[in-house]
Amino acid sequence: MTLLIILLAVFAGIALMVVLGERFGKPIDDEEQAKYSKIIPILVFILLMGSLIKMLV
């Protein structure tokens, strides 16, 4: 029963994020998307290296 309550809460939270994102979100322009596409791979690499170091220590 507890699992069903947790799943219900997760799906309700996701539904709330989708509704609020569609209502209040704005599309990003090309320059902003280009900036994010340069930064995100670097951040993912840093996170992967951090998790690898954490697992080794």
Protein backbone atom coordinates (compact mmCIF):
# COMPACT_ATOMS: atom_id res chain seq x y z
CA MET A 1 0.00 0.00 0.00
CA THR A 2 2.85 2.36 0.80
CA LEU A 3 4.33 1.81 -2.66
CA LEU A 4 1.07 2.84 -4.30
CA ILE A 5 0.96 6.04 -2.26
CA ILE A 6 4.55 6.87 -3.23
CA LEU A 7 3.84 6.19 -6.91
CA LEU A 8 0.69 8.31 -6.77
CA ALA A 9 2.66 11.19 -5.22
CA VAL A 10 5.40 10.91 -7.87
CA PHE A 11 2.93 10.90 -10.76
CA ALA A 12 0.97 13.80 -9.24
CA GLY A 13 4.21 15.79 -8.92
CA ILE A 14 5.15 15.08 -12.54
CA ALA A 15 1.68 16.04 -13.75
CA LEU A 16 1.90 19.29 -11.78
CA MET A 17 5.31 20.09 -13.31
CA VAL A 18 4.00 19.43 -16.82
CA VAL A 19 0.93 21.62 -16.35
CA LEU A 20 2.90 24.48 -14.80
CA GLY A 21 5.65 24.16 -17.40
CA GLU A 22 3.19 24.40 -20.27
CA ARG A 23 1.41 27.36 -18.71
CA PHE A 24 4.32 29.48 -17.49
CA GLY A 25 7.29 28.19 -19.51
CA LYS A 26 8.70 30.19 -22.40
CA PRO A 27 10.60 28.75 -25.34
CA ILE A 28 14.30 29.49 -25.42
CA ASP A 29 15.88 31.30 -28.33
CA ASP A 30 18.69 29.98 -30.51
CA GLU A 31 21.49 31.85 -28.73
CA GLU A 32 20.47 30.56 -25.31
CA GLN A 33 20.16 27.01 -26.63
CA ALA A 34 23.62 27.23 -28.19
CA LYS A 35 25.05 28.45 -24.88
CA TYR A 36 23.48 25.54 -23.00
CA SER A 37 24.65 23.01 -25.59
CA LYS A 38 28.25 24.11 -24.96
CA ILE A 39 28.01 23.98 -21.16
CA ILE A 40 25.99 20.80 -20.55
CA PRO A 41 28.54 18.22 -21.88
CA ILE A 42 31.22 19.77 -19.67
CA LEU A 43 28.96 19.56 -16.62
CA VAL A 44 28.02 15.95 -17.40
CA PHE A 45 31.71 15.05 -17.72
CA ILE A 46 32.46 16.69 -14.36
CA LEU A 47 29.59 14.80 -12.71
CA LEU A 48 30.74 11.49 -14.18
CA MET A 49 34.31 12.03 -13.02
CA GLY A 50 33.06 13.02 -9.57
CA SER A 51 30.96 9.90 -9.25
CA LEU A 52 33.86 7.74 -10.46
CA ILE A 53 36.15 9.26 -7.85
CA LYS A 54 33.48 8.78 -5.19
CA MET A 55 33.12 5.10 -6.11
CA LEU A 56 36.87 4.53 -6.04
CA VAL A 57 37.39 6.15 -2.65
